[in-house]
Amino acid sequence: MNVKPMTNETDVTTLEAGDAVSFSGTIYTARDAAHKRMTEAAAENKPLPFDVRGAAIYYAGPTPTRTGEVIGSCGPTTSARMDDYTPTMLGLGLKVMIGKGKRSDDVIASMIKNKAVYLIAVGGAAALIKSRITACEDVAYPDLGCEAVRKLTVKDLPLLVAIDSHGNSIL
């Protein structure tokens, strides 16, 4: 299998469903509670906790960090829980979503319209994923606990293109 290098600057329209990628760069964690707050903020023309234009969001809720570690366990969560909020986020410029599982037809249509890509991480591979996270910084909504928004720096995170920017899918 040929693995393509990927960063936040990679043109996602060059990726095809089924491509294996090795992602390095910045990703933000956000689950449904954080997505709800961000879409509400956007609807009220309030600033979001980070610039979503060109960003990558990883649907994960890391467990507490042990002393001496960068982050706790950090496996993907089911992406469909974010589907109600995703078209808004894509409309704001989000380019990369990372999670597991299928996406709705509305999300896929919005991905095509906004030229975005959905990558999947292997569920149950939290130890592997954790080993690729080199930095973690709290960003917003600390009251949400594990669902708070965090900025992660990753190196060579192995992912698979599940749905490309043209709507082609392996799911």
Protein backbone atom coordinates (compact mmCIF):
# COMPACT_ATOMS: atom_id res chain seq x y z
CA MET A 1 0.00 0.00 0.00
CA ASN A 2 1.35 3.42 -0.98
CA VAL A 3 1.11 5.93 1.87
CA LYS A 4 0.80 9.59 0.91
CA PRO A 5 2.28 12.26 3.18
CA MET A 6 -0.29 14.82 4.31
CA THR A 7 -0.14 18.10 6.22
CA ASN A 8 -2.61 20.91 6.87
CA GLU A 9 -1.41 22.47 3.61
CA THR A 10 -2.11 19.41 1.44
CA ASP A 11 -4.69 20.08 -1.26
CA VAL A 12 -7.42 17.69 -0.12
CA THR A 13 -8.90 17.54 -3.63
CA THR A 14 -5.90 15.41 -4.67
CA LEU A 15 -6.82 12.67 -2.20
CA GLU A 16 -8.98 9.76 -3.31
CA ALA A 17 -11.18 7.40 -1.33
CA GLY A 18 -9.04 4.48 -0.23
CA ASP A 19 -5.76 6.42 -0.11
CA ALA A 20 -3.61 5.74 2.93
CA VAL A 21 -2.18 8.95 4.36
CA SER A 22 0.39 9.83 6.98
CA PHE A 23 -0.75 13.10 8.57
CA SER A 24 1.68 15.49 10.23
CA GLY A 25 0.74 18.90 11.59
CA THR A 26 -1.98 20.43 13.73
CA ILE A 27 -5.34 18.86 14.46
CA TYR A 28 -8.01 19.96 16.94
CA THR A 29 -10.08 17.59 19.02
CA ALA A 30 -13.79 18.30 19.19
CA ARG A 31 -16.79 16.13 19.85
CA ASP A 32 -20.52 16.85 19.72
CA ALA A 33 -20.72 19.15 22.77
CA ALA A 34 -17.92 21.36 21.43
CA HIS A 35 -19.42 21.30 17.93
CA LYS A 36 -22.74 22.47 19.35
CA ARG A 37 -21.05 25.42 21.05
CA MET A 38 -19.03 26.32 17.98
CA THR A 39 -22.03 26.28 15.63
CA GLU A 40 -24.01 28.37 18.12
CA ALA A 41 -21.13 30.87 18.29
CA ALA A 42 -20.98 31.01 14.49
CA ALA A 43 -24.75 31.62 14.28
CA GLU A 44 -24.32 34.56 16.67
CA ASN A 45 -21.31 35.89 14.71
CA LYS A 46 -19.06 35.24 17.71
CA PRO A 47 -15.47 34.08 17.28
CA LEU A 48 -14.70 30.38 17.39
CA PRO A 49 -11.94 29.10 19.70
CA PHE A 50 -9.67 28.50 16.70
CA ASP A 51 -9.62 29.37 13.01
CA VAL A 52 -11.41 26.50 11.26
CA ARG A 53 -10.40 27.66 7.76
CA GLY A 54 -8.21 24.89 6.38
CA ALA A 55 -8.21 23.11 9.74
CA ALA A 56 -8.45 19.45 10.66
CA ILE A 57 -10.80 18.30 13.43
CA TYR A 58 -10.31 14.92 15.09
CA TYR A 59 -13.46 13.54 16.67
CA ALA A 60 -11.90 12.37 19.94
CA GLY A 61 -12.17 12.92 23.66
CA PRO A 62 -8.77 12.18 25.14
CA THR A 63 -8.64 10.58 28.56
CA PRO A 64 -6.78 12.34 31.38
CA THR A 65 -3.05 12.68 30.87
CA ARG A 66 -0.76 10.73 33.19
CA THR A 67 2.29 12.43 34.66
CA GLY A 68 5.11 12.61 32.14
CA GLU A 69 2.90 11.92 29.13
CA VAL A 70 1.73 14.28 26.38
CA ILE A 71 -1.85 13.01 26.36
CA GLY A 72 -4.04 10.18 27.59
CA SER A 73 -5.68 7.60 25.37
CA CYS A 74 -6.94 9.31 22.22
CA GLY A 75 -8.96 7.02 19.99
CA PRO A 76 -11.58 8.19 17.46
CA THR A 77 -15.25 8.54 18.31
CA THR A 78 -18.25 7.89 16.05
CA SER A 79 -18.39 10.71 13.51
CA ALA A 80 -22.14 10.56 12.88
CA ARG A 81 -22.65 12.30 16.24
CA MET A 82 -21.26 15.47 14.62
CA ASP A 83 -23.34 15.25 11.42
CA ASP A 84 -25.90 17.88 12.52
CA TYR A 85 -23.09 20.43 12.98
CA THR A 86 -20.73 19.44 10.18
CA PRO A 87 -22.28 21.35 7.24
CA THR A 88 -21.95 24.58 9.24
CA MET A 89 -18.32 23.82 10.09
CA LEU A 90 -17.54 22.95 6.48
CA GLY A 91 -19.19 26.19 5.37
CA LEU A 92 -16.80 28.03 7.70
CA GLY A 93 -13.82 26.47 5.92
CA LEU A 94 -13.12 23.18 7.73
CA LYS A 95 -11.20 20.93 5.31
CA VAL A 96 -10.38 17.71 7.17
CA MET A 97 -12.45 15.57 9.53
CA ILE A 98 -10.99 12.54 11.29
CA GLY A 99 -13.11 9.93 13.05
CA LYS A 100 -14.72 6.56 12.49
CA GLY A 101 -17.90 5.32 10.89
CA LYS A 102 -20.27 6.50 8.17
CA ARG A 103 -21.43 10.06 7.42
CA SER A 104 -24.88 11.30 6.38
CA ASP A 105 -25.84 12.26 2.84
CA ASP A 106 -26.06 15.92 3.96
CA VAL A 107 -22.47 15.82 5.22
CA ILE A 108 -21.23 14.21 2.01
CA ALA A 109 -23.04 16.84 -0.10
CA SER A 110 -21.48 19.58 2.03
CA MET A 111 -18.04 17.96 1.67
CA ILE A 112 -18.39 18.07 -2.12
CA LYS A 113 -19.62 21.68 -2.06
CA ASN A 114 -16.84 22.82 0.28
CA LYS A 115 -14.07 20.55 -1.06
CA ALA A 116 -13.36 18.73 2.19
CA VAL A 117 -12.23 15.21 3.07
CA TYR A 118 -13.17 12.67 5.74
CA LEU A 119 -10.39 10.47 7.07
CA ILE A 120 -10.83 7.46 9.30
CA ALA A 121 -8.64 6.31 12.13
CA VAL A 122 -8.73 2.73 13.25
CA GLY A 123 -10.96 2.29 16.29
CA GLY A 124 -9.18 0.40 19.07
CA ALA A 125 -5.80 1.78 18.02
CA ALA A 126 -5.65 4.48 20.70
CA ALA A 127 -2.15 3.44 21.81
CA LEU A 128 -0.80 3.81 18.26
CA ILE A 129 -2.55 7.16 17.80
CA LYS A 130 -1.28 8.40 21.17
CA SER A 131 2.29 7.57 20.13
CA ARG A 132 1.97 9.94 17.14
CA ILE A 133 0.85 12.94 19.22
CA THR A 134 3.85 15.09 20.06
CA ALA A 135 2.10 18.02 21.78
CA CYS A 136 -1.27 18.82 23.35
CA GLU A 137 -2.63 22.22 24.35
CA ASP A 138 -5.99 23.07 25.89
CA VAL A 139 -7.90 25.51 23.64
CA ALA A 140 -11.51 25.95 24.78
CA TYR A 141 -14.47 24.70 26.82
CA PRO A 142 -12.56 23.14 29.75
CA ASP A 143 -15.91 22.54 31.50
CA LEU A 144 -16.57 19.82 28.91
CA GLY A 145 -13.82 17.62 30.39
CA CYS A 146 -12.67 15.07 27.83
CA GLU A 147 -14.81 16.83 25.22
CA ALA A 148 -12.94 20.14 25.57
CA VAL A 149 -11.24 21.44 22.45
CA ARG A 150 -7.52 20.65 22.33
CA LYS A 151 -4.82 21.49 19.82
CA LEU A 152 -2.68 18.48 18.99
CA THR A 153 0.55 18.29 17.06
CA VAL A 154 0.87 14.95 15.31
CA LYS A 155 3.64 13.28 13.34
CA ASP A 156 2.97 10.51 10.84
CA LEU A 157 -0.55 9.72 12.09
CA PRO A 158 -1.76 6.80 9.93
CA LEU A 159 -5.20 7.45 8.43
CA LEU A 160 -7.31 6.33 5.49
CA VAL A 161 -9.39 8.50 3.16
CA ALA A 162 -12.92 7.23 3.72
CA ILE A 163 -14.79 9.89 1.72
CA ASP A 164 -12.96 12.18 -0.69
CA SER A 165 -13.86 15.72 -1.73
CA HIS A 166 -15.75 14.35 -4.75
CA GLY A 167 -18.05 12.19 -2.62
CA ASN A 168 -16.40 8.85 -3.43
CA SER A 169 -16.53 6.54 -0.42
CA ILE A 170 -15.10 3.27 0.82
CA LEU A 171 -17.77 3.00 3.52
